[in-house]
Amino acid sequence: MFNEVLAKVHSAAVWGVDAYAVEVEVNARPGKAVTVVVGLPDTAVKESRDRVITAVTSSAFRFPYGRVTFNLAPADVKKEGPSFDLPMALGIVAASDQLPLRDLDQYWVVGELALTGDVRPVKGALAIALSARKHKIKGLILPTANAAEAAVVEGLDVYPVRHLREAAEFLAGTTLIKPVSIDPNTILGEFDAIEHDFADVKGQEHVKRAIEVAVAGSHNVFMLWAINRAGAGPILKRRIPGGLPEEAYHAAA
């Protein structure tokens, strides 16, 4: 038996091209063994319950016996995707007092969990990092595979983790993780070296011209119907960096 405990881990979700803050509240109390997820979760989020239970036990932690409730706030906005796995699992560790997780209010946490406790990449790392900086968050804890994408945002410490246990021990102060440092110019240099070019695409002259003008002016491009059915949309998209003049590409980037 254990007393009722509430833990809170800060996370984020992507809406379109932006991200917004999400609070993952975890309540564990005595009672019939049941685990529920509330806060307008979609199917992927509801399935997090089973992934989190298994990942927690696979990481040498104990999943509390009793009624466990995960609440994703704000409750009036639908939550999508598996990116709440890691904050939910860390909330369990904190709520059951297995490790003294410190300064949880200073970090945002995102990441999908494998059943082994390994942390898998998620979508929208750049948008989440930009939102975290806007909210003046100290650091962002996320999968190692997403670290380079998020680290281009200046003024935010990005901490990559490979496993649930590593994330928990970092927050407990027993494991040191150095924040990732990325030079944005290096990433731009990689794009400059891309070999794909509009010259590889036969025809579609009006589409190529529209893309060049739109991207050079930092405008959006929306392609549909005949272009996408013919398969030209993705092909043209991949060739945007190599098809622009150097000064136009850097202006758009």
Protein backbone atom coordinates (compact mmCIF):
# COMPACT_ATOMS: atom_id res chain seq x y z
CA MET A 1 0.00 0.00 0.00
CA PHE A 2 1.09 3.59 -0.57
CA ASN A 3 -0.24 7.05 -0.01
CA GLU A 4 -1.74 9.08 -2.82
CA VAL A 5 1.00 10.95 -4.70
CA LEU A 6 0.83 13.49 -7.53
CA ALA A 7 3.72 14.25 -9.88
CA LYS A 8 3.87 16.68 -12.78
CA VAL A 9 6.17 16.54 -15.82
CA HIS A 10 6.17 19.24 -18.48
CA SER A 11 5.96 18.22 -22.11
CA ALA A 12 4.76 19.62 -25.45
CA ALA A 13 2.64 18.73 -28.46
CA VAL A 14 2.74 19.88 -32.06
CA TRP A 15 -0.23 21.63 -33.66
CA GLY A 16 0.39 22.33 -37.34
CA VAL A 17 3.84 23.95 -37.51
CA ASP A 18 3.74 25.20 -33.92
CA ALA A 19 4.02 23.54 -30.53
CA TYR A 20 2.26 24.20 -27.25
CA ALA A 21 2.95 23.25 -23.64
CA VAL A 22 1.35 20.15 -22.13
CA GLU A 23 1.40 19.21 -18.46
CA VAL A 24 1.54 15.48 -17.77
CA GLU A 25 0.05 14.91 -14.32
CA VAL A 26 0.43 11.49 -12.72
CA ASN A 27 -1.67 10.41 -9.77
CA ALA A 28 -1.03 7.09 -8.00
CA ARG A 29 -3.22 5.96 -5.15
CA PRO A 30 -4.35 2.75 -3.44
CA GLY A 31 -7.24 0.85 -4.93
CA LYS A 32 -8.11 -1.54 -7.69
CA ALA A 33 -5.23 -2.00 -10.14
CA VAL A 34 -6.19 0.13 -13.16
CA THR A 35 -4.38 2.67 -15.33
CA VAL A 36 -6.25 5.39 -17.23
CA VAL A 37 -5.22 8.23 -19.53
CA VAL A 38 -7.42 11.34 -19.70
CA GLY A 39 -7.14 14.72 -21.41
CA LEU A 40 -8.54 14.01 -24.90
CA PRO A 41 -5.92 11.40 -25.92
CA ASP A 42 -6.02 9.83 -29.38
CA THR A 43 -5.45 6.11 -29.93
CA ALA A 44 -1.65 6.41 -29.94
CA VAL A 45 -1.73 8.24 -26.60
CA LYS A 46 -4.14 5.73 -25.07
CA GLU A 47 -1.79 2.94 -26.11
CA SER A 48 0.99 4.73 -24.22
CA ARG A 49 -0.43 3.16 -21.07
CA ASP A 50 0.76 -0.31 -22.06
CA ARG A 51 4.08 0.89 -23.46
CA VAL A 52 4.82 2.88 -20.31
CA ILE A 53 3.98 0.03 -17.94
CA THR A 54 6.30 -2.36 -19.76
CA ALA A 55 9.07 0.20 -20.30
CA VAL A 56 9.06 1.17 -16.61
CA THR A 57 9.45 -2.42 -15.44
CA SER A 58 12.04 -3.16 -18.15
CA SER A 59 14.10 -0.23 -16.86
CA ALA A 60 14.40 -1.72 -13.36
CA PHE A 61 11.70 0.52 -11.92
CA ARG A 62 8.48 -0.55 -10.23
CA PHE A 63 5.09 0.32 -11.66
CA PRO A 64 2.85 1.09 -8.64
CA TYR A 65 0.03 -1.29 -7.84
CA GLY A 66 -3.28 0.56 -7.53
CA ARG A 67 -5.15 3.18 -9.49
CA VAL A 68 -2.86 5.27 -11.71
CA THR A 69 -4.24 8.25 -13.62
CA PHE A 70 -2.42 10.20 -16.32
CA ASN A 71 -3.92 13.61 -17.09
CA LEU A 72 -2.72 15.57 -20.12
CA ALA A 73 -3.53 19.25 -19.69
CA PRO A 74 -5.03 21.34 -21.18
CA ALA A 75 -7.85 18.83 -21.26
CA ASP A 76 -9.83 20.59 -24.02
CA VAL A 77 -7.17 20.07 -26.73
CA LYS A 78 -6.79 16.68 -28.42
CA LYS A 79 -3.39 15.03 -27.83
CA GLU A 80 -1.87 13.00 -30.64
CA GLY A 81 1.13 10.71 -31.06
CA PRO A 82 3.46 8.74 -28.78
CA SER A 83 5.65 11.67 -27.65
CA PHE A 84 4.15 11.61 -24.13
CA ASP A 85 5.54 8.14 -23.32
CA LEU A 86 8.74 9.42 -21.73
CA PRO A 87 7.17 12.15 -19.56
CA MET A 88 4.47 9.71 -18.42
CA ALA A 89 7.09 7.15 -17.39
CA LEU A 90 9.16 9.79 -15.57
CA GLY A 91 5.99 10.88 -13.80
CA ILE A 92 5.57 7.32 -12.54
CA VAL A 93 9.13 7.29 -11.22
CA ALA A 94 8.54 10.60 -9.45
CA ALA A 95 5.07 9.75 -8.12
CA SER A 96 6.24 6.43 -6.68
CA ASP A 97 9.32 8.11 -5.17
CA GLN A 98 11.77 5.63 -6.69
CA LEU A 99 14.25 8.38 -7.59
CA PRO A 100 14.31 11.99 -6.38
CA LEU A 101 13.72 13.72 -9.72
CA ARG A 102 14.75 17.33 -9.30
CA ASP A 103 13.77 20.55 -11.08
CA LEU A 104 11.03 18.90 -13.15
CA ASP A 105 9.46 22.33 -13.68
CA GLN A 106 12.59 23.54 -15.52
CA TYR A 107 12.52 20.96 -18.33
CA TRP A 108 10.26 19.89 -21.16
CA VAL A 109 10.34 16.16 -21.93
CA VAL A 110 9.25 14.37 -25.12
CA GLY A 111 9.94 10.89 -26.45
CA GLU A 112 8.38 7.61 -27.51
CA LEU A 113 9.30 4.52 -25.51
CA ALA A 114 10.07 1.02 -26.73
CA LEU A 115 9.04 -1.85 -24.49
CA THR A 116 12.69 -2.16 -23.47
CA GLY A 117 12.76 1.42 -22.20
CA ASP A 118 14.73 2.72 -25.19
CA VAL A 119 13.72 6.21 -26.33
CA ARG A 120 12.57 6.52 -29.93
CA PRO A 121 12.44 9.74 -32.02
CA VAL A 122 9.32 11.88 -32.32
CA LYS A 123 8.04 14.41 -34.82
CA GLY A 124 8.23 18.19 -34.44
CA ALA A 125 11.44 18.52 -32.42
CA LEU A 126 12.28 21.90 -33.94
CA ALA A 127 8.83 23.36 -33.26
CA ILE A 128 8.95 22.04 -29.69
CA ALA A 129 12.39 23.56 -29.13
CA LEU A 130 11.23 26.95 -30.42
CA SER A 131 8.21 26.86 -28.12
CA ALA A 132 10.38 25.80 -25.16
CA ARG A 133 12.64 28.79 -25.69
CA LYS A 134 9.61 31.06 -25.95
CA HIS A 135 8.40 29.75 -22.57
CA LYS A 136 11.90 30.37 -21.11
CA ILE A 137 12.42 26.70 -20.30
CA LYS A 138 15.88 25.78 -19.01
CA GLY A 139 16.27 22.62 -21.05
CA LEU A 140 14.63 20.14 -23.39
CA ILE A 141 15.01 16.39 -22.82
CA LEU A 142 14.32 14.40 -25.96
CA PRO A 143 15.48 11.37 -28.00
CA THR A 144 19.08 11.36 -29.19
CA ALA A 145 17.87 11.05 -32.79
CA ASN A 146 16.07 14.42 -32.48
CA ALA A 147 18.87 16.26 -30.68
CA ALA A 148 20.57 17.84 -33.71
CA GLU A 149 17.26 19.17 -35.04
CA ALA A 150 16.34 20.82 -31.74
CA ALA A 151 19.84 22.06 -30.96
CA VAL A 152 19.82 24.61 -33.79
CA VAL A 153 17.60 26.75 -31.55
CA GLU A 154 19.89 29.11 -29.66
CA GLY A 155 19.29 29.93 -26.02
CA LEU A 156 18.01 26.46 -25.10
CA ASP A 157 19.91 23.50 -23.65
CA VAL A 158 19.05 20.25 -25.43
CA TYR A 159 19.73 17.01 -23.55
CA PRO A 160 19.67 13.79 -25.64
CA VAL A 161 18.65 10.52 -23.96
CA ARG A 162 18.71 6.95 -25.25
CA HIS A 163 16.86 5.20 -22.45
CA LEU A 164 14.25 5.88 -19.79
CA ARG A 165 16.74 4.96 -17.07
CA GLU A 166 19.23 7.49 -18.40
CA ALA A 167 16.62 10.26 -18.40
CA ALA A 168 15.54 9.47 -14.84
CA GLU A 169 19.10 9.35 -13.53
CA PHE A 170 19.90 12.65 -15.24
CA LEU A 171 16.98 14.33 -13.48
CA ALA A 172 18.04 12.68 -10.23
CA GLY A 173 21.53 14.11 -10.63
CA THR A 174 23.32 10.74 -10.76
CA THR A 175 24.07 10.79 -14.51
CA LEU A 176 25.70 13.66 -16.40
CA ILE A 177 24.42 14.52 -19.86
CA LYS A 178 26.06 17.37 -21.74
CA PRO A 179 23.77 19.56 -23.83
CA VAL A 180 24.14 19.19 -27.59
CA SER A 181 25.80 22.02 -29.49
CA ILE A 182 25.13 22.37 -33.22
CA ASP A 183 26.42 24.97 -35.66
CA PRO A 184 23.52 25.89 -37.99
CA ASN A 185 26.00 26.74 -40.75
CA THR A 186 27.17 23.12 -40.74
CA ILE A 187 23.63 21.93 -41.42
CA LEU A 188 23.20 24.47 -44.21
CA GLY A 189 26.47 23.23 -45.68
CA GLU A 190 25.07 19.72 -45.80
CA PHE A 191 22.05 20.98 -47.74
CA ASP A 192 24.34 22.81 -50.15
CA ALA A 193 26.03 19.52 -50.95
CA ILE A 194 22.78 17.81 -51.99
CA GLU A 195 23.09 16.46 -55.52
CA HIS A 196 19.38 16.56 -56.44
CA ASP A 197 18.57 19.32 -58.89
CA PHE A 198 15.57 20.54 -60.86
CA ALA A 199 17.50 19.64 -64.00
CA ASP A 200 16.70 16.00 -63.21
CA VAL A 201 12.96 16.68 -63.63
CA LYS A 202 11.68 16.70 -67.20
CA GLY A 203 8.77 19.03 -67.80
CA GLN A 204 6.80 20.69 -64.99
CA GLU A 205 8.41 23.99 -65.93
CA HIS A 206 5.60 26.12 -64.51
CA VAL A 207 5.73 24.20 -61.22
CA LYS A 208 9.50 24.54 -60.92
CA ARG A 209 9.26 28.26 -61.59
CA ALA A 210 6.50 28.65 -58.97
CA ILE A 211 8.58 26.81 -56.37
CA GLU A 212 11.68 28.93 -57.06
CA VAL A 213 9.74 32.16 -56.66
CA ALA A 214 7.86 30.98 -53.55
CA VAL A 215 10.88 29.69 -51.66
CA ALA A 216 13.10 32.63 -52.61
CA GLY A 217 10.45 34.89 -51.09
CA SER A 218 9.99 32.66 -48.01
CA HIS A 219 6.43 31.77 -49.02
CA ASN A 220 4.60 28.49 -48.55
CA VAL A 221 4.01 26.01 -51.37
CA PHE A 222 0.93 23.77 -51.57
CA MET A 223 0.86 21.06 -54.26
CA LEU A 224 -2.10 18.76 -54.87
CA TRP A 225 -4.20 16.80 -57.33
CA ALA A 226 -2.55 16.19 -60.69
CA ILE A 227 0.96 16.98 -59.48
CA ASN A 228 0.87 14.63 -56.51
CA ARG A 229 -0.98 11.90 -58.40
CA ALA A 230 1.79 11.89 -60.97
CA GLY A 231 4.39 11.56 -58.20
CA ALA A 232 6.09 14.83 -59.13
CA GLY A 233 5.29 16.58 -55.84
CA PRO A 234 7.74 14.65 -53.60
CA ILE A 235 10.35 14.60 -56.38
CA LEU A 236 10.23 18.38 -56.74
CA LYS A 237 10.25 18.87 -52.98
CA ARG A 238 13.50 16.92 -52.59
CA ARG A 239 15.17 19.07 -55.24
CA ILE A 240 14.32 22.48 -53.82
CA PRO A 241 17.76 23.05 -52.14
CA GLY A 242 19.73 22.08 -55.23
CA GLY A 243 17.48 23.93 -57.64
CA LEU A 244 17.79 27.40 -56.17
CA PRO A 245 20.55 29.96 -56.63
CA GLU A 246 22.84 29.99 -53.59
CA GLU A 247 21.75 33.42 -52.38
CA ALA A 248 18.07 32.57 -52.75
CA TYR A 249 18.46 29.29 -50.86
CA HIS A 250 20.22 30.93 -47.90
CA ALA A 251 17.59 33.68 -47.84
CA ALA A 252 14.85 31.05 -47.60
CA ALA A 253 16.71 29.00 -45.00
